[in-house]
Amino acid sequence: MLKKEKLKDIQNTLETLSILHQELLILKYELGLSYKEISALMNKNENTLKTHVRRAREEFTERFKEDIHDE
């Protein structure tokens, strides 16, 4: 039951992010693709992509903490 609730919280937080950030986090952490693979898939420079993934992860973490704290 707790696992389902945690997954729901994660999904809700993910949906608050931009589409780009959602896609990057899913490709990197759910599907386990490498930066090189994502870079090729999205036709973006690998270093630029790493920066976007870092920002997406930081934004997700901050929002997730806020959502959990508000409950």
N, C-alpha and C. Protein backbone atom coordinates (compact mmCIF):
# COMPACT_ATOMS: atom_id res chain seq x y z
N MET A 1 0.82 -1.19 0.00
CA MET A 1 0.00 0.00 0.00
C MET A 1 0.87 1.26 0.00
N LEU A 2 1.92 1.28 0.83
CA LEU A 2 2.81 2.44 0.89
C LEU A 2 3.56 2.64 -0.43
N LYS A 3 3.92 1.53 -1.05
CA LYS A 3 4.63 1.61 -2.33
C LYS A 3 3.75 2.25 -3.39
N LYS A 4 2.47 1.89 -3.43
CA LYS A 4 1.53 2.49 -4.38
C LYS A 4 1.38 3.98 -4.12
N GLU A 5 1.31 4.35 -2.86
CA GLU A 5 1.17 5.75 -2.48
C GLU A 5 2.41 6.54 -2.89
N LYS A 6 3.58 5.97 -2.68
CA LYS A 6 4.84 6.63 -3.05
C LYS A 6 4.92 6.80 -4.57
N LEU A 7 4.51 5.78 -5.32
CA LEU A 7 4.51 5.87 -6.78
C LEU A 7 3.55 6.96 -7.26
N LYS A 8 2.42 7.06 -6.59
CA LYS A 8 1.44 8.10 -6.94
C LYS A 8 2.04 9.49 -6.67
N ASP A 9 2.74 9.64 -5.55
CA ASP A 9 3.39 10.91 -5.21
C ASP A 9 4.44 11.27 -6.26
N ILE A 10 5.21 10.28 -6.67
CA ILE A 10 6.24 10.50 -7.69
C ILE A 10 5.60 10.92 -9.00
N GLN A 11 4.56 10.24 -9.41
CA GLN A 11 3.87 10.57 -10.66
C GLN A 11 3.28 11.97 -10.61
N ASN A 12 2.66 12.31 -9.49
CA ASN A 12 2.07 13.64 -9.35
C ASN A 12 3.13 14.73 -9.44
N THR A 13 4.26 14.52 -8.80
CA THR A 13 5.35 15.49 -8.86
C THR A 13 5.90 15.58 -10.28
N LEU A 14 6.09 14.45 -10.91
CA LEU A 14 6.62 14.42 -12.28
C LEU A 14 5.74 15.23 -13.22
N GLU A 15 4.44 15.14 -13.04
CA GLU A 15 3.49 15.85 -13.91
C GLU A 15 3.54 17.37 -13.74
N THR A 16 4.17 17.85 -12.67
CA THR A 16 4.28 19.30 -12.48
C THR A 16 5.45 19.88 -13.27
N LEU A 17 6.32 19.03 -13.77
CA LEU A 17 7.49 19.48 -14.52
C LEU A 17 7.13 19.74 -15.98
N SER A 18 8.02 20.46 -16.66
CA SER A 18 7.82 20.67 -18.10
C SER A 18 7.89 19.32 -18.82
N ILE A 19 7.33 19.28 -20.00
CA ILE A 19 7.34 18.05 -20.80
C ILE A 19 8.78 17.58 -21.04
N LEU A 20 9.67 18.51 -21.36
CA LEU A 20 11.07 18.16 -21.60
C LEU A 20 11.68 17.51 -20.37
N HIS A 21 11.48 18.09 -19.22
CA HIS A 21 12.05 17.53 -17.99
C HIS A 21 11.42 16.17 -17.66
N GLN A 22 10.15 16.03 -17.90
CA GLN A 22 9.51 14.73 -17.69
C GLN A 22 10.14 13.67 -18.57
N GLU A 23 10.28 13.99 -19.85
CA GLU A 23 10.85 13.04 -20.81
C GLU A 23 12.28 12.66 -20.43
N LEU A 24 13.07 13.65 -20.06
CA LEU A 24 14.46 13.37 -19.71
C LEU A 24 14.57 12.46 -18.49
N LEU A 25 13.78 12.75 -17.47
CA LEU A 25 13.84 11.92 -16.26
C LEU A 25 13.36 10.49 -16.54
N ILE A 26 12.35 10.35 -17.35
CA ILE A 26 11.85 9.01 -17.69
C ILE A 26 12.90 8.25 -18.50
N LEU A 27 13.47 8.90 -19.51
CA LEU A 27 14.47 8.24 -20.34
C LEU A 27 15.69 7.83 -19.52
N LYS A 28 16.12 8.72 -18.64
CA LYS A 28 17.33 8.45 -17.86
C LYS A 28 17.10 7.47 -16.72
N TYR A 29 16.07 7.69 -15.93
CA TYR A 29 15.92 6.91 -14.70
C TYR A 29 14.91 5.76 -14.78
N GLU A 30 13.89 5.90 -15.59
CA GLU A 30 12.91 4.81 -15.72
C GLU A 30 13.39 3.79 -16.76
N LEU A 31 13.85 4.30 -17.90
CA LEU A 31 14.28 3.41 -18.97
C LEU A 31 15.77 3.07 -18.90
N GLY A 32 16.52 3.85 -18.12
CA GLY A 32 17.93 3.54 -17.90
C GLY A 32 18.84 3.84 -19.08
N LEU A 33 18.42 4.76 -19.95
CA LEU A 33 19.26 5.08 -21.10
C LEU A 33 20.46 5.91 -20.66
N SER A 34 21.55 5.78 -21.39
CA SER A 34 22.75 6.57 -21.10
C SER A 34 22.57 7.98 -21.65
N TYR A 35 23.43 8.88 -21.20
CA TYR A 35 23.38 10.24 -21.73
C TYR A 35 23.64 10.23 -23.23
N LYS A 36 24.53 9.38 -23.65
CA LYS A 36 24.85 9.28 -25.08
C LYS A 36 23.63 8.84 -25.89
N GLU A 37 22.90 7.86 -25.38
CA GLU A 37 21.70 7.37 -26.06
C GLU A 37 20.61 8.44 -26.11
N ILE A 38 20.41 9.12 -25.00
CA ILE A 38 19.39 10.18 -24.95
C ILE A 38 19.79 11.32 -25.87
N SER A 39 21.07 11.64 -25.87
CA SER A 39 21.59 12.70 -26.74
C SER A 39 21.29 12.40 -28.20
N ALA A 40 21.55 11.18 -28.62
CA ALA A 40 21.28 10.78 -30.00
C ALA A 40 19.78 10.79 -30.29
N LEU A 41 19.00 10.31 -29.35
CA LEU A 41 17.56 10.23 -29.51
C LEU A 41 16.92 11.61 -29.64
N MET A 42 17.41 12.56 -28.85
CA MET A 42 16.82 13.89 -28.83
C MET A 42 17.58 14.90 -29.70
N ASN A 43 18.64 14.42 -30.33
CA ASN A 43 19.46 15.27 -31.20
C ASN A 43 19.95 16.52 -30.47
N LYS A 44 20.50 16.28 -29.27
CA LYS A 44 21.04 17.37 -28.45
C LYS A 44 22.49 17.05 -28.10
N ASN A 45 23.28 18.08 -27.89
CA ASN A 45 24.65 17.93 -27.44
C ASN A 45 24.64 17.21 -26.09
N GLU A 46 25.56 16.27 -25.91
CA GLU A 46 25.56 15.46 -24.69
C GLU A 46 25.79 16.29 -23.43
N ASN A 47 26.68 17.27 -23.49
CA ASN A 47 26.92 18.10 -22.31
C ASN A 47 25.72 18.97 -21.98
N THR A 48 25.07 19.49 -23.01
CA THR A 48 23.84 20.28 -22.80
C THR A 48 22.77 19.39 -22.18
N LEU A 49 22.67 18.18 -22.66
CA LEU A 49 21.69 17.23 -22.15
C LEU A 49 21.95 16.92 -20.67
N LYS A 50 23.20 16.73 -20.31
CA LYS A 50 23.53 16.47 -18.90
C LYS A 50 23.07 17.61 -18.01
N THR A 51 23.25 18.83 -18.49
CA THR A 51 22.81 20.00 -17.74
C THR A 51 21.30 19.99 -17.58
N HIS A 52 20.58 19.68 -18.65
CA HIS A 52 19.11 19.62 -18.58
C HIS A 52 18.64 18.53 -17.62
N VAL A 53 19.30 17.37 -17.66
CA VAL A 53 18.91 16.28 -16.76
C VAL A 53 19.18 16.68 -15.30
N ARG A 54 20.31 17.32 -15.04
CA ARG A 54 20.63 17.76 -13.68
C ARG A 54 19.58 18.75 -13.19
N ARG A 55 19.23 19.70 -14.03
CA ARG A 55 18.22 20.69 -13.64
C ARG A 55 16.86 20.03 -13.41
N ALA A 56 16.51 19.09 -14.27
CA ALA A 56 15.23 18.37 -14.11
C ALA A 56 15.21 17.59 -12.80
N ARG A 57 16.33 16.93 -12.50
CA ARG A 57 16.43 16.15 -11.26
C ARG A 57 16.33 17.06 -10.04
N GLU A 58 17.02 18.19 -10.07
CA GLU A 58 16.98 19.13 -8.95
C GLU A 58 15.57 19.70 -8.76
N GLU A 59 14.93 20.05 -9.87
CA GLU A 59 13.57 20.59 -9.79
C GLU A 59 12.60 19.54 -9.25
N PHE A 60 12.74 18.30 -9.74
CA PHE A 60 11.88 17.22 -9.26
C PHE A 60 12.08 17.01 -7.76
N THR A 61 13.32 16.94 -7.33
CA THR A 61 13.63 16.70 -5.92
C THR A 61 13.03 17.78 -5.04
N GLU A 62 13.20 19.02 -5.44
CA GLU A 62 12.68 20.15 -4.66
C GLU A 62 11.15 20.08 -4.57
N ARG A 63 10.50 19.85 -5.68
CA ARG A 63 9.03 19.78 -5.68
C ARG A 63 8.52 18.58 -4.90
N PHE A 64 9.22 17.45 -5.02
CA PHE A 64 8.81 16.25 -4.30
C PHE A 64 8.89 16.49 -2.80
N LYS A 65 9.97 17.12 -2.35
CA LYS A 65 10.12 17.44 -0.93
C LYS A 65 8.99 18.35 -0.46
N GLU A 66 8.66 19.35 -1.28
CA GLU A 66 7.58 20.27 -0.93
C GLU A 66 6.24 19.54 -0.84
N ASP A 67 5.98 18.66 -1.81
CA ASP A 67 4.72 17.91 -1.81
C ASP A 67 4.61 17.01 -0.58
N ILE A 68 5.69 16.34 -0.23
CA ILE A 68 5.68 15.45 0.92
C ILE A 68 5.52 16.27 2.20
N HIS A 69 6.18 17.40 2.25
CA HIS A 69 6.11 18.25 3.45
C HIS A 69 4.71 18.82 3.64
N ASP A 70 4.02 19.11 2.54
CA ASP A 70 2.68 19.69 2.60
C ASP A 70 1.62 18.69 3.06
N GLU A 71 1.92 17.42 2.95
CA GLU A 71 0.90 16.41 3.29
C GLU A 71 0.71 16.24 4.76
